Amino acid sequence: MDANDPEALWKASTRRAQEKRRDRNRVLWHAWHLDQAEMLRRTMASLIAAHEEKAASLEVDLCAAEIIEDELVSTPEWRSA
């Protein structure tokens, strides 16, 4: 590169600025993706827990429902309705 060539100096300066901007953006995107992963991990954990709790409560209700269903199936009025 010729130190006296303004165009060459401008191109080199532009190239360095673009590289610096790309590096900064890469760091920012990296941080953003890590933050998103953590946010989703917390959200998913709470959703999983909520579904497990609901499933557990329904499991108890399902046992009771099976008993009720057995009684209803054996009742003629239920079948004719």
PDB file of N, CA and C in Angstrom:
ATOM      1  N   MET A   1       0.851  -1.169   0.000  1.00  0.00           N
ATOM      2  CA  MET A   1       0.000   0.000   0.000  1.00  0.00           C
ATOM      3  C   MET A   1       0.900   1.236   0.000  1.00  0.00           C
ATOM      4  N   ASP A   2       0.541   2.158  -0.831  1.00  0.00           N
ATOM      5  CA  ASP A   2       1.299   3.401  -0.944  1.00  0.00           C
ATOM      6  C   ASP A   2       0.757   4.401   0.069  1.00  0.00           C
ATOM      7  N   ALA A   3       1.602   4.840   0.974  1.00  0.00           N
ATOM      8  CA  ALA A   3       1.203   5.773   2.025  1.00  0.00           C
ATOM      9  C   ALA A   3       0.774   7.120   1.459  1.00  0.00           C
ATOM     10  N   ASN A   4       1.142   7.401   0.209  1.00  0.00           N
ATOM     11  CA  ASN A   4       0.782   8.681  -0.410  1.00  0.00           C
ATOM     12  C   ASN A   4      -0.468   8.572  -1.286  1.00  0.00           C
ATOM     13  N   ASP A   5      -1.017   7.396  -1.426  1.00  0.00           N
ATOM     14  CA  ASP A   5      -2.203   7.189  -2.274  1.00  0.00           C
ATOM     15  C   ASP A   5      -3.457   7.298  -1.416  1.00  0.00           C
ATOM     16  N   PRO A   6      -4.192   8.408  -1.530  1.00  0.00           N
ATOM     17  CA  PRO A   6      -5.372   8.612  -0.686  1.00  0.00           C
ATOM     18  C   PRO A   6      -6.435   7.518  -0.872  1.00  0.00           C
ATOM     19  N   GLU A   7      -6.592   7.037  -2.099  1.00  0.00           N
ATOM     20  CA  GLU A   7      -7.598   6.002  -2.338  1.00  0.00           C
ATOM     21  C   GLU A   7      -7.226   4.708  -1.629  1.00  0.00           C
ATOM     22  N   ALA A   8      -5.956   4.344  -1.684  1.00  0.00           N
ATOM     23  CA  ALA A   8      -5.499   3.129  -1.000  1.00  0.00           C
ATOM     24  C   ALA A   8      -5.669   3.274   0.512  1.00  0.00           C
ATOM     25  N   LEU A   9      -5.359   4.451   1.028  1.00  0.00           N
ATOM     26  CA  LEU A   9      -5.535   4.699   2.467  1.00  0.00           C
ATOM     27  C   LEU A   9      -7.018   4.610   2.853  1.00  0.00           C
ATOM     28  N   TRP A  10      -7.873   5.190   2.011  1.00  0.00           N
ATOM     29  CA  TRP A  10      -9.310   5.156   2.272  1.00  0.00           C
ATOM     30  C   TRP A  10      -9.831   3.720   2.265  1.00  0.00           C
ATOM     31  N   LYS A  11      -9.395   2.916   1.268  1.00  0.00           N
ATOM     32  CA  LYS A  11      -9.827   1.519   1.175  1.00  0.00           C
ATOM     33  C   LYS A  11      -9.381   0.727   2.399  1.00  0.00           C
ATOM     34  N   ALA A  12      -8.146   0.941   2.821  1.00  0.00           N
ATOM     35  CA  ALA A  12      -7.630   0.229   3.991  1.00  0.00           C
ATOM     36  C   ALA A  12      -8.398   0.635   5.248  1.00  0.00           C
ATOM     37  N   SER A  13      -8.677   1.925   5.375  1.00  0.00           N
ATOM     38  CA  SER A  13      -9.425   2.423   6.524  1.00  0.00           C
ATOM     39  C   SER A  13     -10.847   1.850   6.536  1.00  0.00           C
ATOM     40  N   THR A  14     -11.464   1.817   5.367  1.00  0.00           N
ATOM     41  CA  THR A  14     -12.811   1.269   5.248  1.00  0.00           C
ATOM     42  C   THR A  14     -12.827  -0.208   5.594  1.00  0.00           C
ATOM     43  N   ARG A  15     -11.847  -0.947   5.114  1.00  0.00           N
ATOM     44  CA  ARG A  15     -11.755  -2.375   5.388  1.00  0.00           C
ATOM     45  C   ARG A  15     -11.613  -2.630   6.894  1.00  0.00           C
ATOM     46  N   ARG A  16     -10.756  -1.848   7.560  1.00  0.00           N
ATOM     47  CA  ARG A  16     -10.576  -2.009   9.014  1.00  0.00           C
ATOM     48  C   ARG A  16     -11.871  -1.689   9.768  1.00  0.00           C
ATOM     49  N   ALA A  17     -12.557  -0.626   9.341  1.00  0.00           N
ATOM     50  CA  ALA A  17     -13.814  -0.248   9.999  1.00  0.00           C
ATOM     51  C   ALA A  17     -14.865  -1.341   9.811  1.00  0.00           C
ATOM     52  N   GLN A  18     -14.942  -1.917   8.623  1.00  0.00           N
ATOM     53  CA  GLN A  18     -15.910  -2.998   8.371  1.00  0.00           C
ATOM     54  C   GLN A  18     -15.584  -4.236   9.198  1.00  0.00           C
ATOM     55  N   GLU A  19     -14.311  -4.573   9.288  1.00  0.00           N
ATOM     56  CA  GLU A  19     -13.910  -5.728  10.102  1.00  0.00           C
ATOM     57  C   GLU A  19     -14.257  -5.499  11.566  1.00  0.00           C
ATOM     58  N   LYS A  20     -14.001  -4.283  12.033  1.00  0.00           N
ATOM     59  CA  LYS A  20     -14.310  -3.951  13.428  1.00  0.00           C
ATOM     60  C   LYS A  20     -15.820  -4.045  13.679  1.00  0.00           C
ATOM     61  N   ARG A  21     -16.628  -3.531  12.741  1.00  0.00           N
ATOM     62  CA  ARG A  21     -18.082  -3.590  12.870  1.00  0.00           C
ATOM     63  C   ARG A  21     -18.562  -5.041  12.843  1.00  0.00           C
ATOM     64  N   ARG A  22     -18.007  -5.865  11.951  1.00  0.00           N
ATOM     65  CA  ARG A  22     -18.391  -7.287  11.894  1.00  0.00           C
ATOM     66  C   ARG A  22     -18.045  -7.998  13.200  1.00  0.00           C
ATOM     67  N   ASP A  23     -16.848  -7.721  13.725  1.00  0.00           N
ATOM     68  CA  ASP A  23     -16.446  -8.352  14.990  1.00  0.00           C
ATOM     69  C   ASP A  23     -17.369  -7.931  16.128  1.00  0.00           C
ATOM     70  N   ARG A  24     -17.703  -6.640  16.192  1.00  0.00           N
ATOM     71  CA  ARG A  24     -18.598  -6.145  17.242  1.00  0.00           C
ATOM     72  C   ARG A  24     -19.980  -6.782  17.092  1.00  0.00           C
ATOM     73  N   ASN A  25     -20.490  -6.834  15.882  1.00  0.00           N
ATOM     74  CA  ASN A  25     -21.801  -7.451  15.661  1.00  0.00           C
ATOM     75  C   ASN A  25     -21.795  -8.929  16.020  1.00  0.00           C
ATOM     76  N   ARG A  26     -20.710  -9.614  15.729  1.00  0.00           N
ATOM     77  CA  ARG A  26     -20.602 -11.031  16.072  1.00  0.00           C
ATOM     78  C   ARG A  26     -20.681 -11.211  17.585  1.00  0.00           C
ATOM     79  N   VAL A  27     -19.992 -10.338  18.324  1.00  0.00           N
ATOM     80  CA  VAL A  27     -20.038 -10.406  19.790  1.00  0.00           C
ATOM     81  C   VAL A  27     -21.450 -10.121  20.294  1.00  0.00           C
ATOM     82  N   LEU A  28     -22.103  -9.109  19.716  1.00  0.00           N
ATOM     83  CA  LEU A  28     -23.461  -8.772  20.142  1.00  0.00           C
ATOM     84  C   LEU A  28     -24.454  -9.892  19.819  1.00  0.00           C
ATOM     85  N   TRP A  29     -24.356 -10.472  18.641  1.00  0.00           N
ATOM     86  CA  TRP A  29     -25.247 -11.583  18.284  1.00  0.00           C
ATOM     87  C   TRP A  29     -24.997 -12.799  19.171  1.00  0.00           C
ATOM     88  N   HIS A  30     -23.733 -13.040  19.477  1.00  0.00           N
ATOM     89  CA  HIS A  30     -23.395 -14.152  20.375  1.00  0.00           C
ATOM     90  C   HIS A  30     -24.089 -13.961  21.716  1.00  0.00           C
ATOM     91  N   ALA A  31     -23.975 -12.766  22.274  1.00  0.00           N
ATOM     92  CA  ALA A  31     -24.605 -12.470  23.569  1.00  0.00           C
ATOM     93  C   ALA A  31     -26.128 -12.577  23.463  1.00  0.00           C
ATOM     94  N   TRP A  32     -26.700 -12.077  22.371  1.00  0.00           N
ATOM     95  CA  TRP A  32     -28.145 -12.135  22.193  1.00  0.00           C
ATOM     96  C   TRP A  32     -28.630 -13.582  22.162  1.00  0.00           C
ATOM     97  N   HIS A  33     -27.924 -14.438  21.416  1.00  0.00           N
ATOM     98  CA  HIS A  33     -28.332 -15.844  21.325  1.00  0.00           C
ATOM     99  C   HIS A  33     -28.204 -16.548  22.678  1.00  0.00           C
ATOM    100  N   LEU A  34     -27.167 -16.245  23.429  1.00  0.00           N
ATOM    101  CA  LEU A  34     -27.046 -16.828  24.768  1.00  0.00           C
ATOM    102  C   LEU A  34     -28.194 -16.382  25.662  1.00  0.00           C
ATOM    103  N   ASP A  35     -28.538 -15.093  25.598  1.00  0.00           N
ATOM    104  CA  ASP A  35     -29.660 -14.581  26.392  1.00  0.00           C
ATOM    105  C   ASP A  35     -30.975 -15.251  25.989  1.00  0.00           C
ATOM    106  N   GLN A  36     -31.197 -15.402  24.703  1.00  0.00           N
ATOM    107  CA  GLN A  36     -32.418 -16.045  24.223  1.00  0.00           C
ATOM    108  C   GLN A  36     -32.487 -17.501  24.684  1.00  0.00           C
ATOM    109  N   ALA A  37     -31.365 -18.194  24.607  1.00  0.00           N
ATOM    110  CA  ALA A  37     -31.338 -19.591  25.043  1.00  0.00           C
ATOM    111  C   ALA A  37     -31.687 -19.696  26.528  1.00  0.00           C
ATOM    112  N   GLU A  38     -31.149 -18.798  27.336  1.00  0.00           N
ATOM    113  CA  GLU A  38     -31.435 -18.824  28.767  1.00  0.00           C
ATOM    114  C   GLU A  38     -32.905 -18.488  29.037  1.00  0.00           C
ATOM    115  N   MET A  39     -33.433 -17.493  28.339  1.00  0.00           N
ATOM    116  CA  MET A  39     -34.832 -17.123  28.504  1.00  0.00           C
ATOM    117  C   MET A  39     -35.738 -18.295  28.120  1.00  0.00           C
ATOM    118  N   LEU A  40     -35.442 -18.930  26.995  1.00  0.00           N
ATOM    119  CA  LEU A  40     -36.250 -20.075  26.561  1.00  0.00           C
ATOM    120  C   LEU A  40     -36.118 -21.252  27.524  1.00  0.00           C
ATOM    121  N   ARG A  41     -34.918 -21.448  28.052  1.00  0.00           N
ATOM    122  CA  ARG A  41     -34.709 -22.529  29.021  1.00  0.00           C
ATOM    123  C   ARG A  41     -35.592 -22.308  30.248  1.00  0.00           C
ATOM    124  N   ARG A  42     -35.630 -21.067  30.757  1.00  0.00           N
ATOM    125  CA  ARG A  42     -36.481 -20.777  31.921  1.00  0.00           C
ATOM    126  C   ARG A  42     -37.954 -20.940  31.568  1.00  0.00           C
ATOM    127  N   THR A  43     -38.350 -20.436  30.415  1.00  0.00           N
ATOM    128  CA  THR A  43     -39.752 -20.539  29.990  1.00  0.00           C
ATOM    129  C   THR A  43     -40.151 -22.002  29.830  1.00  0.00           C
ATOM    130  N   MET A  44     -39.322 -22.759  29.161  1.00  0.00           N
ATOM    131  CA  MET A  44     -39.635 -24.172  28.941  1.00  0.00           C
ATOM    132  C   MET A  44     -39.685 -24.928  30.259  1.00  0.00           C
ATOM    133  N   ALA A  45     -38.784 -24.621  31.161  1.00  0.00           N
ATOM    134  CA  ALA A  45     -38.779 -25.314  32.451  1.00  0.00           C
ATOM    135  C   ALA A  45     -40.082 -25.057  33.197  1.00  0.00           C
ATOM    136  N   SER A  46     -40.550 -23.811  33.178  1.00  0.00           N
ATOM    137  CA  SER A  46     -41.807 -23.519  33.886  1.00  0.00           C
ATOM    138  C   SER A  46     -42.996 -24.143  33.160  1.00  0.00           C
ATOM    139  N   LEU A  47     -42.976 -24.157  31.836  1.00  0.00           N
ATOM    140  CA  LEU A  47     -44.064 -24.804  31.096  1.00  0.00           C
ATOM    141  C   LEU A  47     -44.082 -26.308  31.337  1.00  0.00           C
ATOM    142  N   ILE A  48     -42.920 -26.921  31.343  1.00  0.00           N
ATOM    143  CA  ILE A  48     -42.825 -28.358  31.607  1.00  0.00           C
ATOM    144  C   ILE A  48     -43.374 -28.668  32.995  1.00  0.00           C
ATOM    145  N   ALA A  49     -42.960 -27.869  33.971  1.00  0.00           N
ATOM    146  CA  ALA A  49     -43.431 -28.089  35.341  1.00  0.00           C
ATOM    147  C   ALA A  49     -44.953 -27.943  35.425  1.00  0.00           C
ATOM    148  N   ALA A  50     -45.490 -26.937  34.742  1.00  0.00           N
ATOM    149  CA  ALA A  50     -46.939 -26.733  34.772  1.00  0.00           C
ATOM    150  C   ALA A  50     -47.670 -27.918  34.133  1.00  0.00           C
ATOM    151  N   HIS A  51     -47.156 -28.430  33.032  1.00  0.00           N
ATOM    152  CA  HIS A  51     -47.798 -29.582  32.375  1.00  0.00           C
ATOM    153  C   HIS A  51     -47.675 -30.844  33.225  1.00  0.00           C
ATOM    154  N   GLU A  52     -46.538 -31.012  33.876  1.00  0.00           N
ATOM    155  CA  GLU A  52     -46.372 -32.183  34.742  1.00  0.00           C
ATOM    156  C   GLU A  52     -47.330 -32.125  35.923  1.00  0.00           C
ATOM    157  N   GLU A  53     -47.500 -30.927  36.499  1.00  0.00           N
ATOM    158  CA  GLU A  53     -48.438 -30.774  37.607  1.00  0.00           C
ATOM    159  C   GLU A  53     -49.867 -31.071  37.153  1.00  0.00           C
ATOM    160  N   LYS A  54     -50.235 -30.550  35.991  1.00  0.00           N
ATOM    161  CA  LYS A  54     -51.588 -30.795  35.465  1.00  0.00           C
ATOM    162  C   LYS A  54     -51.795 -32.282  35.184  1.00  0.00           C
ATOM    163  N   ALA A  55     -50.776 -32.913  34.581  1.00  0.00           N
ATOM    164  CA  ALA A  55     -50.870 -34.342  34.292  1.00  0.00           C
ATOM    165  C   ALA A  55     -51.021 -35.143  35.585  1.00  0.00           C
ATOM    166  N   ALA A  56     -50.279 -34.759  36.611  1.00  0.00           N
ATOM    167  CA  ALA A  56     -50.379 -35.459  37.890  1.00  0.00           C
ATOM    168  C   ALA A  56     -51.775 -35.305  38.485  1.00  0.00           C
ATOM    169  N   SER A  57     -52.343 -34.097  38.394  1.00  0.00           N
ATOM    170  CA  SER A  57     -53.690 -33.913  38.945  1.00  0.00           C
ATOM    171  C   SER A  57     -54.722 -34.671  38.126  1.00  0.00           C
ATOM    172  N   LEU A  58     -54.526 -34.747  36.829  1.00  0.00           N
ATOM    173  CA  LEU A  58     -55.455 -35.486  35.985  1.00  0.00           C
ATOM    174  C   LEU A  58     -55.310 -36.985  36.173  1.00  0.00           C
ATOM    175  N   GLU A  59     -54.126 -37.428  36.509  1.00  0.00           N
ATOM    176  CA  GLU A  59     -53.904 -38.855  36.737  1.00  0.00           C
ATOM    177  C   GLU A  59     -54.792 -39.332  37.874  1.00  0.00           C
ATOM    178  N   VAL A  60     -54.874 -38.579  38.920  1.00  0.00           N
ATOM    179  CA  VAL A  60     -55.748 -38.917  40.042  1.00  0.00           C
ATOM    180  C   VAL A  60     -57.191 -38.877  39.570  1.00  0.00           C
ATOM    181  N   ASP A  61     -57.545 -37.842  38.818  1.00  0.00           N
ATOM    182  CA  ASP A  61     -58.915 -37.722  38.320  1.00  0.00           C
ATOM    183  C   ASP A  61     -59.247 -38.847  37.350  1.00  0.00           C
ATOM    184  N   LEU A  62     -58.275 -39.304  36.566  1.00  0.00           N
ATOM    185  CA  LEU A  62     -58.520 -40.390  35.622  1.00  0.00           C
ATOM    186  C   LEU A  62     -58.861 -41.679  36.349  1.00  0.00           C
ATOM    187  N   CYS A  63     -58.208 -41.927  37.459  1.00  0.00           N
ATOM    188  CA  CYS A  63     -58.529 -43.130  38.233  1.00  0.00           C
ATOM    189  C   CYS A  63     -59.971 -43.061  38.723  1.00  0.00           C
ATOM    190  N   ALA A  64     -60.379 -41.902  39.184  1.00  0.00           N
ATOM    191  CA  ALA A  64     -61.755 -41.730  39.635  1.00  0.00           C
ATOM    192  C   ALA A  64     -62.704 -41.827  38.449  1.00  0.00           C
ATOM    193  N   ALA A  65     -62.316 -41.286  37.303  1.00  0.00           N
ATOM    194  CA  ALA A  65     -63.162 -41.316  36.107  1.00  0.00           C
ATOM    195  C   ALA A  65     -63.374 -42.734  35.617  1.00  0.00           C
ATOM    196  N   GLU A  66     -62.372 -43.580  35.729  1.00  0.00           N
ATOM    197  CA  GLU A  66     -62.515 -44.974  35.306  1.00  0.00           C
ATOM    198  C   GLU A  66     -63.560 -45.674  36.156  1.00  0.00           C
ATOM    199  N   ILE A  67     -63.548 -45.384  37.438  1.00  0.00           N
ATOM    200  CA  ILE A  67     -64.539 -45.983  38.337  1.00  0.00           C
ATOM    201  C   ILE A  67     -65.925 -45.485  37.960  1.00  0.00           C
ATOM    202  N   ILE A  68     -66.047 -44.175  37.739  1.00  0.00           N
ATOM    203  CA  ILE A  68     -67.346 -43.596  37.370  1.00  0.00           C
ATOM    204  C   ILE A  68     -67.801 -44.144  36.030  1.00  0.00           C
ATOM    205  N   GLU A  69     -66.885 -44.243  35.063  1.00  0.00           N
ATOM    206  CA  GLU A  69     -67.243 -44.748  33.738  1.00  0.00           C
ATOM    207  C   GLU A  69     -67.719 -46.191  33.827  1.00  0.00           C
ATOM    208  N   ASP A  70     -67.065 -47.014  34.642  1.00  0.00           N
ATOM    209  CA  ASP A  70     -67.496 -48.402  34.813  1.00  0.00           C
ATOM    210  C   ASP A  70     -68.924 -48.453  35.354  1.00  0.00           C
ATOM    211  N   GLU A  71     -69.232 -47.569  36.278  1.00  0.00           N
ATOM    212  CA  GLU A  71     -70.577 -47.527  36.840  1.00  0.00           C
ATOM    213  C   GLU A  71     -71.580 -47.057  35.797  1.00  0.00           C
ATOM    214  N   LEU A  72     -71.196 -46.053  34.980  1.00  0.00           N
ATOM    215  CA  LEU A  72     -72.101 -45.523  33.969  1.00  0.00           C
ATOM    216  C   LEU A  72     -72.364 -46.529  32.858  1.00  0.00           C
ATOM    217  N   VAL A  73     -71.332 -47.261  32.461  1.00  0.00           N
ATOM    218  CA  VAL A  73     -71.487 -48.244  31.388  1.00  0.00           C
ATOM    219  C   VAL A  73     -72.446 -49.341  31.819  1.00  0.00           C
ATOM    220  N   SER A  74     -72.434 -49.691  33.083  1.00  0.00           N
ATOM    221  CA  SER A  74     -73.317 -50.769  33.542  1.00  0.00           C
ATOM    222  C   SER A  74     -74.746 -50.288  33.799  1.00  0.00           C
ATOM    223  N   THR A  75     -74.973 -48.986  33.688  1.00  0.00           N
ATOM    224  CA  THR A  75     -76.306 -48.439  33.918  1.00  0.00           C
ATOM    225  C   THR A  75     -77.057 -48.346  32.596  1.00  0.00           C
ATOM    226  N   PRO A  76     -78.180 -49.025  32.453  1.00  0.00           N
ATOM    227  CA  PRO A  76     -78.933 -49.012  31.189  1.00  0.00           C
ATOM    228  C   PRO A  76     -79.391 -47.624  30.762  1.00  0.00           C
ATOM    229  N   GLU A  77     -79.769 -46.760  31.725  1.00  0.00           N
ATOM    230  CA  GLU A  77     -80.245 -45.421  31.366  1.00  0.00           C
ATOM    231  C   GLU A  77     -79.153 -44.616  30.647  1.00  0.00           C
ATOM    232  N   TRP A  78     -77.941 -44.823  31.031  1.00  0.00           N
ATOM    233  CA  TRP A  78     -76.828 -44.087  30.412  1.00  0.00           C
ATOM    234  C   TRP A  78     -76.659 -44.513  28.951  1.00  0.00           C
ATOM    235  N   ARG A  79     -76.795 -45.803  28.684  1.00  0.00           N
ATOM    236  CA  ARG A  79     -76.620 -46.301  27.333  1.00  0.00           C
ATOM    237  C   ARG A  79     -77.730 -45.818  26.407  1.00  0.00           C
ATOM    238  N   SER A  80     -78.906 -45.671  26.899  1.00  0.00           N
ATOM    239  CA  SER A  80     -80.015 -45.283  26.040  1.00  0.00           C
ATOM    240  C   SER A  80     -80.046 -43.775  25.791  1.00  0.00           C
ATOM    241  N   ALA A  81     -79.338 -43.012  26.543  1.00  0.00           N
ATOM    242  CA  ALA A  81     -79.359 -41.554  26.400  1.00  0.00           C
ATOM    243  C   ALA A  81     -78.556 -41.063  25.242  1.00  0.00           C
TER     244      ALA A  81
END
